[in-house]
């Protein structure tokens, strides 16, 4: 039972719950950004670049080979899939990343601005002790006595 209680205390700590909430919010935010980039940004970029659809952009390294069958339908030569570098999808994901990174930057900047506190005022000098007060009175009395002479 001790381990279960210890795990419960660990799981209920504020930091762990905050991280879990941030993870869920981040995943949802990622979907929103992906939708924004795929549905709004990339079509606009495509229009600016003459109707280019970046998701279709690939660099073919090896062409696909269709499978060959004989008259009976038996596969004589198996097909080979195309080998290609999908740089268009990479560009789209790069837009996703830039938007997420910029959004996180703005959130952290706002949090840091809220965290900044006014510079601490210097602490007032401590009040003199009773002995120091008494010694100061004696000193002042001696000065007054000397001044009268």
N, C-alpha and C. Protein backbone atom coordinates (compact mmCIF):
# COMPACT_ATOMS: atom_id res chain seq x y z
N UNK A 1 0.82 -1.21 0.00
CA UNK A 1 0.00 0.00 0.00
C UNK A 1 0.85 1.26 0.00
N UNK A 2 2.07 1.20 0.56
CA UNK A 2 2.94 2.36 0.62
C UNK A 2 3.30 2.89 -0.76
N UNK A 3 3.57 1.98 -1.69
CA UNK A 3 3.94 2.40 -3.04
C UNK A 3 2.76 3.06 -3.74
N UNK A 4 1.56 2.55 -3.55
CA UNK A 4 0.37 3.13 -4.17
C UNK A 4 0.14 4.54 -3.64
N UNK A 5 0.31 4.73 -2.34
CA UNK A 5 0.13 6.06 -1.74
C UNK A 5 1.19 7.03 -2.28
N UNK A 6 2.42 6.54 -2.38
CA UNK A 6 3.51 7.37 -2.89
C UNK A 6 3.25 7.77 -4.35
N UNK A 7 2.75 6.82 -5.16
CA UNK A 7 2.43 7.12 -6.55
C UNK A 7 1.31 8.15 -6.63
N UNK A 8 0.30 8.02 -5.77
CA UNK A 8 -0.82 8.97 -5.77
C UNK A 8 -0.31 10.38 -5.44
N UNK A 9 0.57 10.50 -4.46
CA UNK A 9 1.13 11.80 -4.10
C UNK A 9 1.93 12.37 -5.27
N UNK A 10 2.70 11.51 -5.93
CA UNK A 10 3.49 11.95 -7.08
C UNK A 10 2.58 12.42 -8.21
N UNK A 11 1.54 11.65 -8.50
CA UNK A 11 0.65 11.96 -9.62
C UNK A 11 -0.17 13.22 -9.37
N UNK A 12 -0.42 13.53 -8.12
CA UNK A 12 -1.25 14.68 -7.80
C UNK A 12 -0.45 15.96 -7.58
N UNK A 13 0.85 15.90 -7.72
CA UNK A 13 1.64 17.11 -7.58
C UNK A 13 1.24 18.07 -8.69
N UNK A 14 1.27 19.34 -8.39
CA UNK A 14 0.84 20.36 -9.34
C UNK A 14 1.59 20.33 -10.64
N UNK A 15 2.90 20.12 -10.61
CA UNK A 15 3.69 20.16 -11.82
C UNK A 15 3.30 19.05 -12.80
N UNK A 16 3.07 17.85 -12.28
CA UNK A 16 2.72 16.74 -13.15
C UNK A 16 1.36 16.97 -13.81
N UNK A 17 0.40 17.46 -13.05
CA UNK A 17 -0.92 17.75 -13.62
C UNK A 17 -0.80 18.86 -14.65
N UNK A 18 0.00 19.88 -14.37
CA UNK A 18 0.20 20.97 -15.33
C UNK A 18 0.81 20.45 -16.63
N UNK A 19 1.77 19.55 -16.51
CA UNK A 19 2.40 18.99 -17.71
C UNK A 19 1.39 18.18 -18.52
N UNK A 20 0.55 17.41 -17.83
CA UNK A 20 -0.46 16.61 -18.54
C UNK A 20 -1.43 17.52 -19.29
N UNK A 21 -1.87 18.58 -18.64
CA UNK A 21 -2.79 19.52 -19.30
C UNK A 21 -2.10 20.18 -20.49
N UNK A 22 -0.84 20.58 -20.31
CA UNK A 22 -0.09 21.21 -21.40
C UNK A 22 0.08 20.25 -22.58
N UNK A 23 0.31 18.99 -22.29
CA UNK A 23 0.47 17.99 -23.35
C UNK A 23 -0.81 17.87 -24.17
N UNK A 24 -1.95 17.77 -23.50
CA UNK A 24 -3.23 17.64 -24.20
C UNK A 24 -3.52 18.91 -25.01
N UNK A 25 -3.27 20.07 -24.40
CA UNK A 25 -3.51 21.33 -25.11
C UNK A 25 -2.57 21.46 -26.31
N UNK A 26 -1.32 21.03 -26.15
CA UNK A 26 -0.36 21.09 -27.24
C UNK A 26 -0.75 20.21 -28.41
N UNK A 27 -1.25 19.01 -28.10
CA UNK A 27 -1.69 18.11 -29.17
C UNK A 27 -2.87 18.72 -29.93
N UNK A 28 -3.80 19.30 -29.20
CA UNK A 28 -4.95 19.95 -29.85
C UNK A 28 -4.51 21.15 -30.67
N UNK A 29 -3.58 21.92 -30.12
CA UNK A 29 -3.08 23.09 -30.83
C UNK A 29 -2.37 22.67 -32.11
N UNK A 30 -1.64 21.57 -32.05
CA UNK A 30 -0.95 21.06 -33.24
C UNK A 30 -1.93 20.71 -34.34
N UNK A 31 -3.05 20.12 -33.99
CA UNK A 31 -4.07 19.78 -34.99
C UNK A 31 -4.66 21.05 -35.60
N UNK A 32 -4.88 22.06 -34.78
CA UNK A 32 -5.43 23.31 -35.28
C UNK A 32 -4.46 23.96 -36.25
N UNK A 33 -3.18 23.98 -35.88
CA UNK A 33 -2.18 24.60 -36.76
C UNK A 33 -2.06 23.82 -38.07
N UNK A 34 -2.07 22.49 -38.00
CA UNK A 34 -2.01 21.69 -39.22
C UNK A 34 -3.19 21.99 -40.12
N UNK A 35 -4.37 22.08 -39.54
CA UNK A 35 -5.56 22.41 -40.31
C UNK A 35 -5.42 23.80 -40.94
N UNK A 36 -4.91 24.75 -40.16
CA UNK A 36 -4.71 26.12 -40.65
C UNK A 36 -3.73 26.14 -41.83
N UNK A 37 -2.62 25.44 -41.67
CA UNK A 37 -1.61 25.43 -42.73
C UNK A 37 -2.14 24.73 -43.97
N UNK A 38 -2.74 23.53 -43.80
CA UNK A 38 -3.24 22.77 -44.95
C UNK A 38 -4.41 23.46 -45.64
N UNK A 39 -5.29 24.09 -44.87
CA UNK A 39 -6.50 24.66 -45.46
C UNK A 39 -6.42 26.10 -45.87
N UNK A 40 -5.51 26.87 -45.26
CA UNK A 40 -5.46 28.31 -45.55
C UNK A 40 -4.09 28.74 -46.09
N UNK A 41 -3.04 28.43 -45.37
CA UNK A 41 -1.72 28.95 -45.75
C UNK A 41 -1.23 28.34 -47.06
N UNK A 42 -1.21 27.02 -47.15
CA UNK A 42 -0.64 26.38 -48.34
C UNK A 42 -1.44 26.68 -49.62
N UNK A 43 -2.78 26.75 -49.58
CA UNK A 43 -3.47 27.17 -50.81
C UNK A 43 -3.08 28.59 -51.24
N UNK A 44 -2.90 29.49 -50.26
CA UNK A 44 -2.46 30.85 -50.60
C UNK A 44 -1.05 30.84 -51.17
N UNK A 45 -0.16 30.06 -50.57
CA UNK A 45 1.20 29.94 -51.09
C UNK A 45 1.15 29.32 -52.49
N UNK A 46 0.29 28.33 -52.68
CA UNK A 46 0.13 27.72 -53.99
C UNK A 46 -0.33 28.72 -55.04
N UNK A 47 -1.27 29.59 -54.66
CA UNK A 47 -1.73 30.62 -55.59
C UNK A 47 -0.60 31.58 -55.94
N UNK A 48 0.19 31.95 -54.95
CA UNK A 48 1.29 32.88 -55.19
C UNK A 48 2.39 32.27 -56.05
N UNK A 49 2.48 30.94 -56.03
CA UNK A 49 3.52 30.25 -56.81
C UNK A 49 2.95 29.66 -58.10
N UNK A 50 1.79 30.12 -58.52
CA UNK A 50 1.24 29.69 -59.81
C UNK A 50 0.44 28.40 -59.74
N UNK A 51 -0.25 28.15 -58.64
CA UNK A 51 -1.10 26.98 -58.52
C UNK A 51 -0.39 25.71 -58.13
N UNK A 52 0.78 25.82 -57.54
CA UNK A 52 1.56 24.65 -57.14
C UNK A 52 0.95 24.04 -55.88
N UNK A 53 0.73 22.72 -55.91
CA UNK A 53 0.28 21.99 -54.72
C UNK A 53 1.51 21.32 -54.12
N UNK A 54 1.96 21.82 -52.98
CA UNK A 54 3.21 21.34 -52.40
C UNK A 54 3.11 19.89 -51.93
N UNK A 55 1.94 19.44 -51.54
CA UNK A 55 1.80 18.05 -51.08
C UNK A 55 2.09 17.05 -52.19
N UNK A 56 1.95 17.46 -53.45
CA UNK A 56 2.20 16.57 -54.58
C UNK A 56 3.65 16.60 -55.05
N UNK A 57 4.45 17.49 -54.49
CA UNK A 57 5.83 17.65 -54.95
C UNK A 57 6.71 16.55 -54.39
N UNK A 58 7.32 15.79 -55.31
CA UNK A 58 8.21 14.69 -54.92
C UNK A 58 9.41 14.69 -55.86
N UNK A 59 10.47 14.10 -55.40
CA UNK A 59 11.66 13.88 -56.21
C UNK A 59 11.81 12.37 -56.32
N UNK A 60 11.51 11.85 -57.49
CA UNK A 60 11.48 10.40 -57.69
C UNK A 60 12.91 9.89 -57.85
N UNK A 61 13.29 8.97 -56.96
CA UNK A 61 14.61 8.35 -57.03
C UNK A 61 14.58 7.08 -57.87
N UNK A 62 13.46 6.36 -57.76
CA UNK A 62 13.31 5.12 -58.52
C UNK A 62 11.84 4.99 -58.90
N UNK A 63 11.59 4.85 -60.18
CA UNK A 63 10.22 4.73 -60.69
C UNK A 63 9.58 3.44 -60.20
N UNK A 64 8.27 3.47 -60.08
CA UNK A 64 7.52 2.28 -59.70
C UNK A 64 7.49 1.31 -60.88
N UNK A 65 7.51 0.03 -60.56
CA UNK A 65 7.42 -1.01 -61.59
C UNK A 65 6.15 -1.81 -61.31
N UNK A 66 5.21 -1.85 -62.30
CA UNK A 66 3.99 -2.61 -62.05
C UNK A 66 4.28 -4.11 -62.07
N UNK A 67 3.44 -4.84 -61.33
CA UNK A 67 3.65 -6.29 -61.33
C UNK A 67 3.20 -6.88 -62.66
N UNK A 68 3.85 -7.94 -63.05
CA UNK A 68 3.55 -8.60 -64.32
C UNK A 68 2.91 -9.95 -64.01
N UNK A 69 1.74 -10.21 -64.66
CA UNK A 69 1.03 -11.49 -64.47
C UNK A 69 0.98 -12.24 -65.80
N UNK A 70 0.94 -13.55 -65.68
CA UNK A 70 0.78 -14.35 -66.90
C UNK A 70 -0.70 -14.48 -67.22
N UNK A 71 -1.04 -15.26 -68.27
CA UNK A 71 -2.43 -15.43 -68.71
C UNK A 71 -3.29 -16.06 -67.63
N UNK A 72 -2.71 -16.87 -66.77
CA UNK A 72 -3.47 -17.54 -65.72
C UNK A 72 -3.70 -16.63 -64.51
N UNK A 73 -3.06 -15.45 -64.48
CA UNK A 73 -3.22 -14.52 -63.37
C UNK A 73 -2.16 -14.68 -62.30
N UNK A 74 -1.20 -15.59 -62.58
CA UNK A 74 -0.12 -15.80 -61.62
C UNK A 74 0.91 -14.67 -61.78
N UNK A 75 1.40 -14.13 -60.65
CA UNK A 75 2.38 -13.05 -60.68
C UNK A 75 3.72 -13.60 -61.12
N UNK A 76 4.20 -13.08 -62.24
CA UNK A 76 5.50 -13.49 -62.77
C UNK A 76 6.60 -12.61 -62.17
N UNK A 77 6.38 -11.29 -62.20
CA UNK A 77 7.33 -10.34 -61.64
C UNK A 77 6.58 -9.45 -60.65
N UNK A 78 7.01 -9.48 -59.39
CA UNK A 78 6.30 -8.63 -58.42
C UNK A 78 6.55 -7.15 -58.70
N UNK A 79 5.57 -6.35 -58.34
CA UNK A 79 5.70 -4.90 -58.53
C UNK A 79 6.62 -4.29 -57.48
N UNK A 80 7.21 -3.19 -57.85
CA UNK A 80 8.10 -2.46 -56.94
C UNK A 80 7.52 -1.07 -56.77
N UNK A 81 7.39 -0.64 -55.53
CA UNK A 81 6.83 0.68 -55.24
C UNK A 81 7.83 1.77 -55.62
N UNK A 82 7.29 2.93 -55.88
CA UNK A 82 8.12 4.09 -56.21
C UNK A 82 8.91 4.52 -54.96
N UNK A 83 10.14 4.91 -55.20
CA UNK A 83 10.97 5.46 -54.13
C UNK A 83 11.13 6.94 -54.44
N UNK A 84 10.63 7.79 -53.51
CA UNK A 84 10.64 9.22 -53.78
C UNK A 84 10.86 10.01 -52.50
N UNK A 85 11.47 11.16 -52.64
CA UNK A 85 11.64 12.11 -51.55
C UNK A 85 10.47 13.08 -51.64
N UNK A 86 9.67 13.14 -50.59
CA UNK A 86 8.47 13.99 -50.59
C UNK A 86 8.80 15.35 -49.98
N UNK A 87 9.48 16.17 -50.76
CA UNK A 87 9.91 17.46 -50.24
C UNK A 87 8.75 18.45 -50.08
N UNK A 88 7.68 18.27 -50.81
CA UNK A 88 6.51 19.15 -50.67
C UNK A 88 5.86 18.99 -49.30
N UNK A 89 5.73 17.75 -48.84
CA UNK A 89 5.18 17.50 -47.51
C UNK A 89 6.10 18.08 -46.44
N UNK A 90 7.42 18.01 -46.70
CA UNK A 90 8.38 18.59 -45.76
C UNK A 90 8.19 20.10 -45.66
N UNK A 91 7.99 20.77 -46.79
CA UNK A 91 7.77 22.22 -46.78
C UNK A 91 6.50 22.56 -46.00
N UNK A 92 5.45 21.78 -46.21
CA UNK A 92 4.20 22.01 -45.48
C UNK A 92 4.42 21.83 -43.97
N UNK A 93 5.13 20.78 -43.58
CA UNK A 93 5.41 20.56 -42.16
C UNK A 93 6.32 21.63 -41.60
N UNK A 94 7.18 22.18 -42.43
CA UNK A 94 8.04 23.28 -41.98
C UNK A 94 7.20 24.51 -41.64
N UNK A 95 6.19 24.79 -42.45
CA UNK A 95 5.26 25.88 -42.14
C UNK A 95 4.57 25.60 -40.80
N UNK A 96 4.12 24.36 -40.60
CA UNK A 96 3.51 23.98 -39.33
C UNK A 96 4.44 24.32 -38.16
N UNK A 97 5.68 23.87 -38.29
CA UNK A 97 6.65 24.07 -37.22
C UNK A 97 6.89 25.54 -36.93
N UNK A 98 7.05 26.34 -37.98
CA UNK A 98 7.32 27.76 -37.80
C UNK A 98 6.17 28.44 -37.08
N UNK A 99 4.94 28.10 -37.43
CA UNK A 99 3.79 28.71 -36.78
C UNK A 99 3.70 28.28 -35.32
N UNK A 100 3.91 26.99 -35.04
CA UNK A 100 3.87 26.51 -33.65
C UNK A 100 5.00 27.15 -32.84
N UNK A 101 6.21 27.19 -33.40
CA UNK A 101 7.34 27.77 -32.68
C UNK A 101 7.11 29.26 -32.39
N UNK A 102 6.56 29.98 -33.35
CA UNK A 102 6.29 31.40 -33.13
C UNK A 102 5.21 31.59 -32.07
N UNK A 103 4.19 30.74 -32.09
CA UNK A 103 3.12 30.83 -31.09
C UNK A 103 3.67 30.55 -29.69
N UNK A 104 4.50 29.53 -29.57
CA UNK A 104 5.10 29.21 -28.27
C UNK A 104 5.99 30.36 -27.81
N UNK A 105 6.74 30.95 -28.74
CA UNK A 105 7.58 32.10 -28.41
C UNK A 105 6.73 33.24 -27.84
N UNK A 106 5.59 33.53 -28.48
CA UNK A 106 4.73 34.62 -28.00
C UNK A 106 4.16 34.31 -26.62
N UNK A 107 3.78 33.05 -26.39
CA UNK A 107 3.24 32.67 -25.07
C UNK A 107 4.31 32.81 -24.00
N UNK A 108 5.50 32.32 -24.27
CA UNK A 108 6.58 32.40 -23.28
C UNK A 108 6.98 33.85 -23.04
N UNK A 109 6.99 34.65 -24.09
CA UNK A 109 7.31 36.07 -23.93
C UNK A 109 6.28 36.75 -23.03
N UNK A 110 5.00 36.43 -23.21
CA UNK A 110 3.95 37.02 -22.38
C UNK A 110 4.08 36.56 -20.92
N UNK A 111 4.39 35.28 -20.72
CA UNK A 111 4.55 34.76 -19.36
C UNK A 111 5.74 35.43 -18.68
N UNK A 112 6.85 35.57 -19.40
CA UNK A 112 8.03 36.22 -18.82
C UNK A 112 7.75 37.68 -18.49
N UNK A 113 6.95 38.35 -19.30
CA UNK A 113 6.60 39.74 -19.03
C UNK A 113 5.78 39.84 -17.75
N UNK A 114 4.89 38.88 -17.54
CA UNK A 114 4.09 38.88 -16.32
C UNK A 114 4.93 38.54 -15.10
N UNK A 115 5.94 37.70 -15.28
CA UNK A 115 6.78 37.29 -14.16
C UNK A 115 7.73 38.38 -13.70
N UNK A 116 8.07 39.29 -14.60
CA UNK A 116 9.02 40.35 -14.23
C UNK A 116 8.43 41.17 -13.10
N UNK A 117 9.19 41.30 -12.09
CA UNK A 117 8.75 42.10 -10.95
C UNK A 117 9.58 43.36 -10.90
N UNK A 118 9.06 44.34 -10.17
CA UNK A 118 9.82 45.56 -9.98
C UNK A 118 11.09 45.21 -9.21
N UNK A 119 12.17 45.92 -9.48
CA UNK A 119 13.38 45.63 -8.72
C UNK A 119 13.11 45.82 -7.23
N UNK A 120 13.65 44.94 -6.46
CA UNK A 120 13.43 44.98 -5.01
C UNK A 120 14.03 46.25 -4.44
N UNK A 121 13.24 46.94 -3.63
CA UNK A 121 13.73 48.15 -2.98
C UNK A 121 14.72 47.73 -1.91
N UNK A 122 15.75 48.53 -1.71
CA UNK A 122 16.70 48.14 -0.67
C UNK A 122 16.01 48.09 0.68
N UNK A 123 16.37 47.09 1.43
CA UNK A 123 15.75 46.91 2.75
C UNK A 123 16.16 48.06 3.65
N UNK A 124 15.23 48.48 4.48
CA UNK A 124 15.51 49.54 5.44
C UNK A 124 16.55 49.03 6.43
N UNK A 125 17.45 49.91 6.85
CA UNK A 125 18.44 49.44 7.81
C UNK A 125 17.74 48.95 9.08
N UNK A 126 18.30 47.94 9.68
CA UNK A 126 17.65 47.41 10.87
C UNK A 126 17.63 48.44 12.00
N UNK A 127 16.62 48.35 12.77
CA UNK A 127 16.44 49.24 13.93
C UNK A 127 17.59 48.97 14.92
N UNK A 128 18.21 50.03 15.46
CA UNK A 128 19.29 49.77 16.42
C UNK A 128 18.77 49.07 17.68
N UNK A 129 19.62 48.26 18.26
CA UNK A 129 19.22 47.53 19.47
C UNK A 129 19.13 48.51 20.64
N UNK A 130 18.56 48.03 21.73
CA UNK A 130 18.41 48.87 22.92
C UNK A 130 19.77 49.31 23.44
N UNK A 131 20.76 48.43 23.36
CA UNK A 131 22.10 48.77 23.85
C UNK A 131 22.69 49.88 22.98
N UNK A 132 22.47 49.78 21.64
CA UNK A 132 22.98 50.82 20.74
C UNK A 132 22.30 52.16 21.01
N UNK A 133 20.99 52.12 21.26
CA UNK A 133 20.26 53.36 21.58
C UNK A 133 20.80 54.00 22.85
N UNK A 134 21.03 53.17 23.87
CA UNK A 134 21.54 53.68 25.14
C UNK A 134 22.93 54.27 24.96
N UNK A 135 23.80 53.58 24.20
CA UNK A 135 25.14 54.11 23.95
C UNK A 135 25.08 55.43 23.18
N UNK A 136 24.16 55.54 22.21
CA UNK A 136 24.00 56.79 21.45
C UNK A 136 23.56 57.92 22.37
N UNK A 137 22.66 57.64 23.31
CA UNK A 137 22.22 58.67 24.27
C UNK A 137 23.38 59.13 25.14
N UNK A 138 24.20 58.17 25.61
CA UNK A 138 25.35 58.52 26.44
C UNK A 138 26.32 59.39 25.65
N UNK A 139 26.59 59.02 24.38
CA UNK A 139 27.49 59.79 23.53
C UNK A 139 26.97 61.21 23.35
N UNK A 140 25.67 61.32 23.05
CA UNK A 140 25.09 62.65 22.85
C UNK A 140 25.16 63.47 24.12
N UNK A 141 24.93 62.83 25.28
CA UNK A 141 25.00 63.55 26.57
C UNK A 141 26.41 64.04 26.83
N UNK A 142 27.42 63.22 26.51
CA UNK A 142 28.80 63.63 26.72
C UNK A 142 29.17 64.80 25.80
N UNK A 143 28.68 64.77 24.57
CA UNK A 143 28.96 65.88 23.63
C UNK A 143 28.34 67.18 24.16
N UNK A 144 27.11 67.08 24.69
CA UNK A 144 26.45 68.28 25.21
C UNK A 144 27.18 68.81 26.42
N UNK A 145 27.67 67.88 27.26
CA UNK A 145 28.40 68.29 28.47
C UNK A 145 29.70 68.97 28.08
N UNK A 146 30.39 68.50 27.08
CA UNK A 146 31.65 69.09 26.63
C UNK A 146 31.38 70.46 25.99
N UNK A 147 30.27 70.59 25.30
CA UNK A 147 29.93 71.84 24.62
C UNK A 147 29.65 72.93 25.65
N UNK A 148 29.10 72.58 26.82
CA UNK A 148 28.78 73.55 27.86
C UNK A 148 30.05 74.07 28.53
N UNK A 149 31.09 73.26 28.57
CA UNK A 149 32.32 73.65 29.28
C UNK A 149 33.10 74.62 28.50
